[in-house]
Amino acid sequence: MSRVYTGDEGLPSEFITSLMRDSGGRLWIGTRGGLAVHEAGEIRVIGEPEGMHTEGVNALFEDATGSIWAATMRGLVRIRDGGVHHFGEDSGMSTSDYLAVVEDHLGYLWISSNQGITRVPRAELDEIARGDRTRANPEIFGRADGLRSAEANGGVHPAVLRRVDGSIWFPTMAGAVAVDPEVVDRGWTPPAPLVEFVVAGDTLVSTGESIRLLPGERTLEFHFTAPGFSAPERTRFRYRLEGFDDDWIYPQDRRAAYYTNLPPRWYRFRVGTGAPDGSWIESEAMVEIELAPRIYERRPVQALVLLLLVGGVVAGYRWRVRRLRRREGELLEIVDDLVQAQEALKKSEAELRQAQKMDAVGRLAGGMAHDFNNILSVIGANAQLAYEDLPESSDAAREEIREVILAGERAAELTRQLLAFSRKQVLELSPLDLNEVVQSVERMLRRLIREDIAMDTHLHPAPCVVMADKAGIEQILVNLVVNARDAMPEGGRVEISTGPGDSDGHFVLSVRDTGTGMDEETLRQVFEPFFTTKAQGEGTGLGLSTVYGVAKQSGGWVDVESEVGEGTVFRVIFPRAT
């Protein structure tokens, strides 16, 4: 049963030019529209995505390594292990219409075209495909080598035939050509090159050893040849403009070199000739030429302009930087002022709220303490009268009444502390030296702390005379030292110091400890009456409230700084005595 394959089955074109079955059993199909392979009943096109940059395929050939060679309308193509490599002019090959391709027993590929018959080592093409080589050295055979016509026939398969004796037969426009690879001997030396003339812009320049052109010329043409009487089509050319080209340029059939937008400098144009086998003669034609620079292209002028430009840029940059830094400093000062003002506002708002809160608590506590103190006075007086009226023989009754009297005295002490906090306790303000007050109670304070706590005093060398109540200052010291002791359960250090305050007209009494410290939440409540961090029954919560009240009633205030694990410092600020 026969089957017809058309474009509907996947063929790139229905114009079939070549069929070839490879050693693996696949059928390769060359068409005017491209290359396809038939395998396992399916047609697969080898096209642009695979690297096949041509459509028309004229002939196919498989070499001994399994590579497929395709003679196409745009040159020679190799397909190997799924990879496609197209050999263009940058590989030294032509991109003309190749008609047939075959390999001889010496390792050369023979390719026919309408420009002659080409021989090239297959190994060189394989090296180019692997990236180990950049150019091949093909040889082109034409009329000078015995062909009656350099134009071969093709377009049908096969367009070349290799006989069992190793000879290769090609059809041409003037008959069949037989080539014996064993006896091909070029034995030909190309003629020496010659630079015929040079064109600068639109002006023809006579050639010589050295040419100097006027400023402004940037376009050059070099026309060259190799005069000879034998097979001029065999001659290969290469040229290079030293100072511009990095490597040799191979122009194929062109006999001229064109350059545009050349920078001003000295150049040397070199041209050489070679044989089709890739050999080059030592003799070269050379022309030295100078493109003179315009005045603004001269190095000293450019250096001066560059120096002026750099100087201007640097000066402008420095001026800009100074201006930006000055502006930055002004903005930073404004930002700092705003930040400080905002922080001061927040601090003032917090202090105001705390003062209002403490004032309200103080008024409440003061009113309650005053009324409660009146009641305690009656209870204490009647208990004392009852105690005195009982006979001494009534020991049990006298003891009970004695407990009532002692409880009343403790309650009266609490009311006095509340009155001090609310500033309703009457203080006797008089000029006092803080140094003398500390020295007078230092011995008593040392008895209040434990043996594992060290206490130091750092008194200002000059008197620190303030307007305050002596008993109130003593009470402040006792309360702060006791609090410091309780904050150091494992021992530590207490430091009492005096000195001038940050602002004129004040002195500071400081008590610093190395205790457990306080967090932010505790600091916000530290002066509130009955607030305590001690266990139940170990404190009244009025010690720091009393300190706050005495300081306020003396015309001063209390600052506190604390950090958890770092300790606490209380600073009581008193006004100077005038």
Protein backbone atom coordinates (compact mmCIF):
# COMPACT_ATOMS: atom_id res chain seq x y z
CA MET A 1 0.00 0.00 0.00
CA SER A 2 1.41 3.39 -0.98
CA ARG A 3 1.14 6.63 0.96
CA VAL A 4 1.53 10.15 -0.33
CA TYR A 5 3.18 12.80 1.87
CA THR A 6 2.30 16.43 1.21
CA GLY A 7 2.30 19.69 3.10
CA ASP A 8 -0.68 18.45 5.11
CA GLU A 9 1.55 15.69 6.56
CA GLY A 10 4.21 18.23 7.56
CA LEU A 11 6.47 18.64 4.52
CA PRO A 12 7.89 22.18 4.27
CA SER A 13 7.29 22.06 0.50
CA GLU A 14 5.93 19.59 -2.01
CA PHE A 15 8.78 20.39 -4.45
CA ILE A 16 11.17 17.56 -3.54
CA THR A 17 14.81 18.04 -4.62
CA SER A 18 16.68 15.30 -2.75
CA LEU A 19 16.02 12.04 -0.86
CA MET A 20 18.57 10.19 1.29
CA ARG A 21 18.34 7.29 3.75
CA ASP A 22 21.01 7.56 6.46
CA SER A 23 22.82 4.76 8.29
CA GLY A 24 20.21 4.85 11.06
CA GLY A 25 17.32 4.18 8.71
CA ARG A 26 15.90 7.69 8.70
CA LEU A 27 14.76 9.26 5.45
CA TRP A 28 16.00 12.82 4.83
CA ILE A 29 13.88 14.92 2.49
CA GLY A 30 15.26 18.05 0.80
CA THR A 31 12.71 20.47 -0.65
CA ARG A 32 12.55 23.96 -2.10
CA GLY A 33 10.96 25.03 1.20
CA GLY A 34 13.44 23.44 3.58
CA LEU A 35 14.62 20.18 5.13
CA ALA A 36 12.59 17.41 6.78
CA VAL A 37 13.27 13.95 8.21
CA HIS A 38 10.90 10.96 8.20
CA GLU A 39 11.21 8.76 11.27
CA ALA A 40 8.79 6.31 12.92
CA GLY A 41 6.06 7.28 10.48
CA GLU A 42 6.26 10.99 11.32
CA ILE A 43 7.58 13.99 9.41
CA ARG A 44 9.77 16.41 11.41
CA VAL A 45 10.94 19.70 9.91
CA ILE A 46 14.50 20.97 10.54
CA GLY A 47 13.93 24.72 10.44
CA GLU A 48 14.86 28.07 11.90
CA PRO A 49 14.46 27.08 15.59
CA GLU A 50 17.03 24.30 15.08
CA GLY A 51 19.47 26.66 13.29
CA MET A 52 18.55 25.95 9.66
CA HIS A 53 18.79 29.48 8.25
CA THR A 54 17.82 28.59 4.68
CA GLU A 55 14.85 27.11 2.87
CA GLY A 56 16.02 25.63 -0.44
CA VAL A 57 17.91 22.31 -0.11
CA ASN A 58 19.57 21.02 -3.31
CA ALA A 59 21.49 17.91 -2.19
CA LEU A 60 22.18 15.72 0.87
CA PHE A 61 25.17 13.59 1.88
CA GLU A 62 26.08 11.49 4.99
CA ASP A 63 29.76 11.17 5.88
CA ALA A 64 31.51 8.33 7.69
CA THR A 65 30.90 9.91 11.12
CA GLY A 66 27.12 10.07 10.62
CA SER A 67 26.97 13.82 9.98
CA ILE A 68 24.44 14.98 7.39
CA TRP A 69 25.70 17.63 4.94
CA ALA A 70 23.19 19.75 3.02
CA ALA A 71 24.04 21.81 -0.07
CA THR A 72 21.56 24.70 0.12
CA MET A 73 20.72 27.87 -1.72
CA ARG A 74 22.60 29.83 0.99
CA GLY A 75 25.69 27.70 1.47
CA LEU A 76 26.72 24.55 3.30
CA VAL A 77 24.94 23.16 6.40
CA ARG A 78 25.94 20.34 8.77
CA ILE A 79 23.44 18.40 10.94
CA ARG A 80 24.96 16.29 13.70
CA ASP A 81 23.49 14.91 16.95
CA GLY A 82 20.48 17.20 16.56
CA GLY A 83 22.64 20.32 16.17
CA VAL A 84 22.63 22.42 13.00
CA HIS A 85 25.62 24.55 11.93
CA HIS A 86 25.54 26.90 8.94
CA PHE A 87 28.94 27.77 7.44
CA GLY A 88 28.82 31.39 6.27
CA GLU A 89 31.34 33.89 5.00
CA ASP A 90 32.74 34.40 8.50
CA SER A 91 33.83 30.73 8.30
CA GLY A 92 35.66 31.33 5.02
CA MET A 93 32.92 29.63 3.00
CA SER A 94 30.66 31.09 0.34
CA THR A 95 26.93 31.60 0.77
CA SER A 96 26.22 31.06 -2.90
CA ASP A 97 23.82 28.44 -4.28
CA TYR A 98 25.54 25.10 -3.57
CA LEU A 99 24.22 22.34 -5.86
CA ALA A 100 25.85 19.10 -4.62
CA VAL A 101 28.19 17.79 -1.93
CA VAL A 102 30.24 14.57 -1.58
CA GLU A 103 33.33 13.41 0.35
CA ASP A 104 36.42 11.77 -1.13
CA HIS A 105 38.55 9.08 0.49
CA LEU A 106 41.13 11.71 1.58
CA GLY A 107 38.75 13.56 3.90
CA TYR A 108 37.84 16.46 1.59
CA LEU A 109 34.33 17.64 0.84
CA TRP A 110 33.70 18.48 -2.85
CA ILE A 111 30.93 21.00 -3.47
CA SER A 112 29.60 22.21 -6.81
CA SER A 113 28.03 25.58 -7.51
CA ASN A 114 27.43 28.02 -10.35
CA GLN A 115 30.82 29.60 -9.49
CA GLY A 116 32.95 26.47 -9.79
CA ILE A 117 33.84 23.38 -7.80
CA THR A 118 35.04 23.82 -4.20
CA ARG A 119 37.24 21.48 -2.16
CA VAL A 120 37.54 21.94 1.66
CA PRO A 121 38.91 19.66 4.44
CA ARG A 122 35.96 18.23 6.37
CA ALA A 123 38.08 18.23 9.53
CA GLU A 124 38.40 22.03 9.34
CA LEU A 125 34.62 22.43 9.11
CA ASP A 126 34.15 20.07 12.08
CA GLU A 127 36.61 22.17 14.10
CA ILE A 128 34.68 25.33 13.21
CA ALA A 129 31.42 23.70 14.34
CA ARG A 130 33.04 22.71 17.67
CA GLY A 131 34.43 26.23 18.17
CA ASP A 132 38.08 25.13 17.89
CA ARG A 133 38.65 27.08 14.65
CA THR A 134 37.33 30.27 13.06
CA ARG A 135 38.00 29.89 9.35
CA ALA A 136 38.39 27.09 6.78
CA ASN A 137 40.63 27.14 3.72
CA PRO A 138 38.45 26.15 0.77
CA GLU A 139 39.91 25.79 -2.75
CA ILE A 140 37.86 26.78 -5.80
CA PHE A 141 38.46 25.10 -9.17
CA GLY A 142 37.41 26.87 -12.39
CA ARG A 143 38.33 27.31 -16.02
CA ALA A 144 42.01 27.76 -15.15
CA ASP A 145 42.03 24.24 -13.76
CA GLY A 146 40.61 22.65 -16.91
CA LEU A 147 36.88 23.23 -16.56
CA ARG A 148 35.25 24.32 -19.81
CA SER A 149 32.60 26.03 -17.68
CA ALA A 150 32.75 27.04 -14.04
CA GLU A 151 28.97 26.79 -13.79
CA ALA A 152 27.91 23.36 -12.58
CA ASN A 153 24.42 21.91 -12.91
CA GLY A 154 22.21 20.87 -10.03
CA GLY A 155 18.85 21.22 -8.41
CA VAL A 156 18.17 17.51 -8.91
CA HIS A 157 19.54 14.57 -7.00
CA PRO A 158 22.13 13.29 -7.50
CA ALA A 159 24.13 16.19 -8.95
CA VAL A 160 27.47 14.54 -8.10
CA LEU A 161 28.74 10.95 -8.29
CA ARG A 162 31.74 9.23 -6.70
CA ARG A 163 32.86 6.11 -8.54
CA VAL A 164 34.45 3.03 -6.98
CA ASP A 165 37.86 4.10 -8.30
CA GLY A 166 37.62 7.29 -6.12
CA SER A 167 37.03 9.73 -8.94
CA ILE A 168 34.26 12.30 -8.59
CA TRP A 169 32.00 13.34 -11.49
CA PHE A 170 30.17 16.67 -11.75
CA PRO A 171 27.66 17.86 -14.40
CA THR A 172 28.43 21.34 -15.79
CA MET A 173 27.02 23.62 -18.47
CA ALA A 174 29.80 22.41 -20.82
CA GLY A 175 29.73 18.67 -20.10
CA ALA A 176 30.66 16.24 -17.35
CA VAL A 177 33.81 16.83 -15.31
CA ALA A 178 35.78 14.02 -13.68
CA VAL A 179 38.14 14.81 -10.81
CA ASP A 180 40.74 12.41 -9.37
CA PRO A 181 41.45 13.58 -5.80
CA GLU A 182 44.75 11.67 -5.78
CA VAL A 183 46.32 13.72 -8.60
CA VAL A 184 44.93 17.20 -7.88
CA ASP A 185 47.98 19.45 -7.71
CA ARG A 186 47.50 23.16 -7.63
CA GLY A 187 51.23 24.01 -7.75
CA TRP A 188 50.34 27.68 -8.15
CA THR A 189 51.69 30.84 -6.49
CA PRO A 190 49.42 33.89 -6.38
CA PRO A 191 50.73 37.19 -7.77
CA ALA A 192 51.89 40.01 -5.49
CA PRO A 193 49.21 42.51 -4.38
CA LEU A 194 49.03 46.13 -5.49
CA VAL A 195 47.11 49.13 -4.11
CA GLU A 196 45.76 50.76 -7.26
CA PHE A 197 44.38 53.99 -5.79
CA VAL A 198 42.90 55.59 -2.66
CA VAL A 199 39.72 57.68 -2.51
CA ALA A 200 39.37 60.21 0.34
CA GLY A 201 35.78 61.41 0.43
CA ASP A 202 35.16 62.25 -3.21
CA THR A 203 38.81 62.90 -4.08
CA LEU A 204 41.12 60.47 -5.82
CA VAL A 205 44.50 60.40 -4.02
CA SER A 206 47.68 59.20 -5.68
CA THR A 207 49.28 56.34 -3.82
CA GLY A 208 52.70 56.59 -2.27
CA GLU A 209 54.57 55.46 0.74
CA SER A 210 52.97 58.17 2.89
CA ILE A 211 49.81 60.25 2.39
CA ARG A 212 48.71 63.16 4.58
CA LEU A 213 45.14 64.38 4.19
CA LEU A 214 43.67 67.72 5.19
CA PRO A 215 41.59 68.03 8.37
CA GLY A 216 38.02 66.83 8.03
CA GLU A 217 38.53 63.75 5.85
CA ARG A 218 36.98 60.74 7.56
CA THR A 219 36.00 58.41 4.68
CA LEU A 220 38.55 56.26 2.85
CA GLU A 221 38.42 53.70 0.04
CA PHE A 222 41.36 51.44 -0.80
CA HIS A 223 41.19 49.71 -4.20
CA PHE A 224 43.63 46.85 -4.73
CA THR A 225 44.40 44.03 -7.17
CA ALA A 226 47.01 41.38 -8.00
CA PRO A 227 48.16 41.61 -11.61
CA GLY A 228 48.73 38.19 -13.16
CA PHE A 229 48.15 36.23 -16.35
CA SER A 230 47.23 32.85 -14.85
CA ALA A 231 43.94 32.03 -13.11
CA PRO A 232 43.18 35.37 -11.46
CA GLU A 233 40.02 33.86 -9.96
CA ARG A 234 42.21 31.66 -7.74
CA THR A 235 43.76 34.62 -5.99
CA ARG A 236 42.46 35.22 -2.48
CA PHE A 237 42.84 38.58 -0.75
CA ARG A 238 43.02 39.78 2.80
CA TYR A 239 43.50 43.30 4.11
CA ARG A 240 43.88 45.16 7.39
CA LEU A 241 43.91 48.83 8.37
CA GLU A 242 46.35 48.95 11.27
CA GLY A 243 45.11 51.39 13.88
CA PHE A 244 41.49 50.45 13.21
CA ASP A 245 41.05 46.73 12.35
CA ASP A 246 41.84 44.20 15.06
CA ASP A 247 42.37 41.33 12.60
CA TRP A 248 42.57 40.49 8.91
CA ILE A 249 39.45 40.93 6.78
CA TYR A 250 38.75 38.46 3.95
CA PRO A 251 36.70 40.21 1.23
CA GLN A 252 35.85 37.12 -0.92
CA ASP A 253 35.39 38.50 -4.46
CA ARG A 254 35.55 42.19 -3.54
CA ARG A 255 38.67 44.15 -4.50
CA ALA A 256 38.13 47.23 -2.35
CA ALA A 257 38.04 48.20 1.34
CA TYR A 258 35.70 50.91 2.65
CA TYR A 259 36.03 52.88 5.92
CA THR A 260 33.85 55.66 7.33
CA ASN A 261 34.00 57.87 10.43
CA LEU A 262 37.68 57.20 11.00
CA PRO A 263 39.21 59.11 13.91
CA PRO A 264 42.22 61.34 13.08
CA ARG A 265 45.56 59.50 13.42
CA TRP A 266 48.23 57.64 11.43
CA TYR A 267 47.08 54.43 9.70
CA ARG A 268 48.80 51.72 7.70
CA PHE A 269 46.77 49.80 5.12
CA ARG A 270 48.11 46.31 4.32
CA VAL A 271 46.84 43.91 1.67
CA GLY A 272 48.08 40.38 0.94
CA THR A 273 47.34 37.58 -1.51
CA GLY A 274 47.03 33.87 -0.98
CA ALA A 275 46.26 30.58 -2.66
CA PRO A 276 42.99 28.60 -2.31
CA ASP A 277 44.76 26.14 0.00
CA GLY A 278 45.06 28.83 2.65
CA SER A 279 48.73 29.71 2.12
CA TRP A 280 49.72 33.40 1.93
CA ILE A 281 52.75 34.95 0.25
CA GLU A 282 55.10 37.09 2.30
CA SER A 283 54.99 40.07 -0.06
CA GLU A 284 52.36 42.66 0.91
CA ALA A 285 51.31 46.04 -0.46
CA MET A 286 51.20 48.86 2.11
CA VAL A 287 50.08 52.48 2.20
CA GLU A 288 50.61 54.80 5.18
CA ILE A 289 48.09 57.59 5.54
CA GLU A 290 47.48 60.31 8.11
CA LEU A 291 44.09 61.87 8.77
CA ALA A 292 44.93 65.31 10.15
CA PRO A 293 42.76 66.41 13.07
CA ARG A 294 40.70 69.57 13.19
CA ILE A 295 41.85 72.19 15.68
CA TYR A 296 39.37 71.02 18.28
CA GLU A 297 40.45 67.40 17.72
CA ARG A 298 44.07 68.04 18.62
CA ARG A 299 45.18 66.44 21.86
CA PRO A 300 46.46 69.64 23.58
CA VAL A 301 43.23 71.47 22.72
CA GLN A 302 41.11 68.56 23.89
CA ALA A 303 43.17 68.31 27.07
CA LEU A 304 42.69 72.04 27.73
CA VAL A 305 38.95 71.86 27.05
CA LEU A 306 38.68 68.75 29.20
CA LEU A 307 40.63 70.45 31.98
CA LEU A 308 38.38 73.52 31.81
CA LEU A 309 35.30 71.31 31.72
CA VAL A 310 36.48 69.23 34.65
CA GLY A 311 37.42 72.37 36.56
CA GLY A 312 34.00 73.86 35.88
CA VAL A 313 32.26 70.66 36.89
CA VAL A 314 34.35 70.38 40.06
CA ALA A 315 33.75 74.03 40.95
CA GLY A 316 30.04 73.69 40.26
CA TYR A 317 29.93 70.46 42.22
CA ARG A 318 31.73 71.99 45.19
CA TRP A 319 29.46 75.04 45.13
CA ARG A 320 26.44 72.77 44.91
CA VAL A 321 27.74 70.56 47.73
CA ARG A 322 28.45 73.58 49.95
CA ARG A 323 24.99 74.94 49.24
CA LEU A 324 23.35 71.57 49.92
CA ARG A 325 25.38 71.06 53.10
CA ARG A 326 24.46 74.53 54.33
CA ARG A 327 20.83 73.86 53.53
CA GLU A 328 21.13 70.43 55.10
CA GLY A 329 22.54 71.99 58.27
CA GLU A 330 19.69 74.49 58.38
CA LEU A 331 17.13 71.74 57.87
CA LEU A 332 18.79 69.57 60.51
CA GLU A 333 18.71 72.45 62.95
CA ILE A 334 15.02 73.01 62.20
CA VAL A 335 14.35 69.29 62.56
CA ASP A 336 16.31 69.14 65.82
CA ASP A 337 14.42 72.16 67.14
CA LEU A 338 11.12 70.57 66.14
CA VAL A 339 12.08 67.24 67.68
CA GLN A 340 13.24 68.90 70.88
CA ALA A 341 10.11 71.04 70.98
CA GLN A 342 7.93 68.00 70.41
CA GLU A 343 9.79 66.03 73.07
CA ALA A 344 9.58 68.96 75.48
CA LEU A 345 5.87 69.32 74.72
CA LYS A 346 5.28 65.63 75.34
CA LYS A 347 7.31 65.82 78.55
CA SER A 348 5.43 68.93 79.68
CA GLU A 349 2.09 67.31 78.88
CA ALA A 350 3.09 64.20 80.81
CA GLU A 351 4.35 66.29 83.74
CA LEU A 352 1.17 68.37 83.67
CA ARG A 353 -1.04 65.31 83.68
CA GLN A 354 1.03 63.80 86.48
CA ALA A 355 0.97 67.03 88.45
CA GLN A 356 -2.80 67.33 88.01
CA LYS A 357 -3.22 63.72 89.01
CA MET A 358 -0.94 64.10 92.03
CA ASP A 359 -2.66 67.35 92.99
CA ALA A 360 -6.08 65.70 92.83
CA VAL A 361 -4.85 62.72 94.81
CA GLY A 362 -3.14 65.05 97.25
CA ARG A 363 -6.32 67.06 97.85
CA LEU A 364 -8.31 63.88 98.38
CA ALA A 365 -5.69 62.35 100.64
CA GLY A 366 -5.17 65.62 102.53
CA GLY A 367 -8.88 66.05 103.23
CA MET A 368 -9.24 62.47 104.39
CA ALA A 369 -6.07 62.68 106.48
CA HIS A 370 -7.19 65.92 108.15
CA ASP A 371 -10.59 64.53 109.13
CA PHE A 372 -9.10 61.19 110.10
CA ASN A 373 -6.49 62.96 112.24
CA ASN A 374 -9.25 64.78 114.20
CA ILE A 375 -10.94 61.45 114.90
CA LEU A 376 -7.64 59.89 115.92
CA SER A 377 -7.01 62.78 118.31
CA VAL A 378 -10.28 62.06 120.15
CA ILE A 379 -9.57 58.31 120.20
CA GLY A 380 -6.04 58.85 121.44
CA ALA A 381 -7.02 61.32 124.15
CA ASN A 382 -9.84 59.15 125.53
CA ALA A 383 -7.65 56.04 125.40
CA GLN A 384 -4.93 57.87 127.32
CA LEU A 385 -7.45 59.04 129.98
CA ALA A 386 -8.82 55.52 130.29
CA TYR A 387 -5.31 54.13 130.64
CA GLU A 388 -4.48 56.61 133.39
CA ASP A 389 -7.78 56.02 135.30
CA LEU A 390 -7.32 52.24 135.50
CA PRO A 391 -5.61 50.95 138.63
CA GLU A 392 -2.21 49.41 138.18
CA SER A 393 -3.61 46.08 139.27
CA SER A 394 -5.71 45.85 136.07
CA ASP A 395 -2.80 44.66 133.97
CA ALA A 396 -4.86 42.99 131.27
CA ALA A 397 -7.14 46.00 130.71
CA ARG A 398 -4.22 48.43 130.76
CA GLU A 399 -2.39 46.29 128.18
CA GLU A 400 -5.39 46.28 125.85
CA ILE A 401 -5.76 50.05 126.13
CA ARG A 402 -2.00 50.43 125.55
CA GLU A 403 -2.38 48.58 122.23
CA VAL A 404 -5.17 50.99 121.26
CA ILE A 405 -2.89 53.96 122.04
CA LEU A 406 -0.02 52.48 119.97
CA ALA A 407 -2.35 51.75 117.04
CA GLY A 408 -3.58 55.33 117.19
CA GLU A 409 -0.01 56.63 117.12
CA ARG A 410 0.74 54.51 114.03
CA ALA A 411 -2.40 55.77 112.35
CA ALA A 412 -1.44 59.35 113.28
CA GLU A 413 1.97 58.80 111.64
CA LEU A 414 0.26 57.70 108.42
CA THR A 415 -1.95 60.78 108.48
CA ARG A 416 1.11 62.99 108.96
CA GLN A 417 2.70 61.39 105.85
CA LEU A 418 -0.48 61.96 103.89
CA LEU A 419 -0.56 65.57 105.04
CA ALA A 420 3.07 65.94 103.97
CA PHE A 421 2.21 64.54 100.52
CA SER A 422 -0.79 66.86 100.18
CA ARG A 423 1.38 69.77 101.39
CA LYS A 424 -0.99 70.49 104.24
CA GLN A 425 1.55 69.56 106.86
CA VAL A 426 3.03 72.68 108.36
CA LEU A 427 6.78 72.86 107.55
CA GLU A 428 9.19 75.26 109.15
CA LEU A 429 11.26 76.52 106.19
CA SER A 430 14.65 77.97 107.11
CA PRO A 431 18.13 78.23 105.55
CA LEU A 432 19.81 74.80 105.81
CA ASP A 433 23.09 73.43 104.52
CA LEU A 434 22.35 70.09 102.80
CA ASN A 435 25.89 68.92 103.64
CA GLU A 436 25.29 69.43 107.40
CA VAL A 437 21.90 67.67 107.30
CA VAL A 438 23.44 64.62 105.54
CA GLN A 439 26.31 64.50 108.04
CA SER A 440 23.90 64.72 110.98
CA VAL A 441 21.83 61.70 109.92
CA GLU A 442 24.61 59.68 108.22
CA ARG A 443 25.21 57.54 111.28
CA MET A 444 21.50 56.75 111.68
CA LEU A 445 21.19 55.95 107.95
CA ARG A 446 24.05 53.44 108.14
CA ARG A 447 22.12 51.60 110.88
CA LEU A 448 19.10 51.35 108.55
CA ILE A 449 20.95 49.37 105.86
CA ARG A 450 22.37 45.83 105.99
CA GLU A 451 26.00 44.79 106.26
CA ASP A 452 26.06 43.69 102.58
CA ILE A 453 25.25 47.23 101.46
CA ALA A 454 27.95 49.92 101.27
CA MET A 455 27.01 53.58 101.64
CA ASP A 456 29.12 56.46 100.33
CA THR A 457 28.61 60.20 100.67
CA HIS A 458 29.93 62.73 98.14
CA LEU A 459 29.28 66.20 99.53
CA HIS A 460 29.94 69.37 97.59
CA PRO A 461 33.01 71.20 98.94
CA ALA A 462 31.08 74.45 99.22
CA PRO A 463 27.97 74.86 101.42
CA CYS A 464 24.67 74.00 99.70
CA VAL A 465 22.28 76.30 101.57
CA VAL A 466 18.59 75.84 100.70
CA MET A 467 15.22 76.95 102.11
CA ALA A 468 13.71 73.79 103.59
CA ASP A 469 12.45 72.04 106.71
CA LYS A 470 15.18 70.05 108.47
CA ALA A 471 12.83 67.32 109.65
CA GLY A 472 11.43 67.08 106.13
CA ILE A 473 14.91 66.63 104.59
CA GLU A 474 15.74 64.00 107.21
CA GLN A 475 12.49 62.22 106.36
CA ILE A 476 13.39 62.34 102.62
CA LEU A 477 16.81 60.79 103.29
CA VAL A 478 15.36 58.04 105.50
CA ASN A 479 12.65 57.13 102.98
CA LEU A 480 15.03 57.09 99.97
CA VAL A 481 17.74 55.07 101.77
CA VAL A 482 15.19 52.52 103.04
CA ASN A 483 13.76 52.17 99.50
CA ALA A 484 17.32 51.70 98.15
CA ARG A 485 17.98 49.03 100.75
CA ASP A 486 14.83 47.12 99.84
CA ALA A 487 15.75 47.33 96.13
CA MET A 488 19.06 45.49 96.80
CA PRO A 489 18.13 42.14 98.36
CA GLU A 490 21.54 40.70 97.45
CA GLY A 491 23.55 43.71 98.52
CA GLY A 492 24.95 46.65 96.63
CA ARG A 493 25.93 50.29 97.05
CA VAL A 494 24.08 53.47 98.06
CA GLU A 495 25.55 56.86 97.18
CA ILE A 496 24.34 60.16 98.70
CA SER A 497 25.60 63.34 97.07
CA THR A 498 24.98 67.06 97.09
CA GLY A 499 25.79 69.77 94.61
CA PRO A 500 24.50 72.61 92.45
CA GLY A 501 21.62 71.95 90.10
CA ASP A 502 21.56 72.30 86.30
CA SER A 503 19.86 75.67 86.61
CA ASP A 504 20.95 78.60 88.74
CA GLY A 505 19.20 79.07 92.06
CA HIS A 506 18.92 75.39 93.03
CA PHE A 507 20.85 72.66 94.84
CA VAL A 508 20.40 68.91 94.39
CA LEU A 509 20.26 66.12 96.97
CA SER A 510 20.80 62.77 95.16
CA VAL A 511 20.41 59.17 96.36
CA ARG A 512 21.69 56.53 93.91
CA ASP A 513 21.54 52.74 94.31
CA THR A 514 22.66 49.70 92.32
CA GLY A 515 19.44 47.81 92.87
CA THR A 516 16.93 46.09 90.61
CA GLY A 517 15.67 49.32 89.01
CA MET A 518 12.18 50.12 87.73
CA ASP A 519 10.41 49.79 84.40
CA GLU A 520 8.43 52.56 82.62
CA GLU A 521 5.08 51.51 84.09
CA THR A 522 6.44 51.63 87.66
CA LEU A 523 8.09 55.01 87.07
CA ARG A 524 4.74 56.52 86.06
CA GLN A 525 3.16 55.54 89.40
CA VAL A 526 6.12 55.77 91.75
CA PHE A 527 4.91 58.91 93.64
CA GLU A 528 1.26 57.90 93.93
CA PRO A 529 0.04 57.32 97.52
CA PHE A 530 -0.28 53.66 98.55
CA PHE A 531 1.47 52.43 95.38
CA THR A 532 4.16 49.89 96.27
CA THR A 533 6.06 47.06 94.62
CA LYS A 534 6.74 45.36 97.95
CA ALA A 535 4.92 42.32 99.26
CA GLN A 536 1.69 42.82 101.15
CA GLY A 537 2.31 44.00 104.72
CA GLU A 538 5.89 45.16 104.00
CA GLY A 539 5.16 48.78 103.13
CA THR A 540 2.52 51.49 103.27
CA GLY A 541 3.19 52.94 99.82
CA LEU A 542 3.60 56.45 101.30
CA GLY A 543 7.40 56.75 101.48
CA LEU A 544 7.99 58.28 98.04
CA SER A 545 4.71 60.18 98.26
CA THR A 546 6.07 61.87 101.37
CA VAL A 547 9.32 62.70 99.55
CA TYR A 548 7.30 64.22 96.70
CA GLY A 549 5.10 66.26 99.10
CA VAL A 550 8.00 67.63 101.17
CA ALA A 551 9.90 68.66 98.01
CA LYS A 552 6.86 70.40 96.52
CA GLN A 553 6.01 72.15 99.79
CA SER A 554 9.63 73.37 99.93
CA GLY A 555 9.33 74.93 96.48
CA GLY A 556 11.29 72.18 94.71
CA TRP A 557 10.63 68.97 92.83
CA VAL A 558 11.85 65.38 92.40
CA ASP A 559 13.47 63.75 89.33
CA VAL A 560 13.96 60.02 89.03
CA GLU A 561 15.95 57.92 86.54
CA SER A 562 15.88 54.14 86.56
CA GLU A 563 16.59 51.16 84.32
CA VAL A 564 15.76 47.57 85.07
CA GLY A 565 18.86 45.78 86.33
CA GLU A 566 20.95 48.99 86.42
CA GLY A 567 19.68 50.77 89.54
CA THR A 568 17.87 54.01 90.36
CA VAL A 569 18.78 57.61 91.17
CA PHE A 570 16.45 60.10 92.89
CA ARG A 571 17.33 63.79 92.65
CA VAL A 572 15.51 66.17 95.03
CA ILE A 573 15.92 69.78 93.88
CA PHE A 574 15.61 72.57 96.48
CA PRO A 575 15.69 76.35 95.91
CA ARG A 576 18.75 78.21 97.14
CA ALA A 577 18.38 80.25 100.31
CA THR A 578 18.35 83.98 99.58
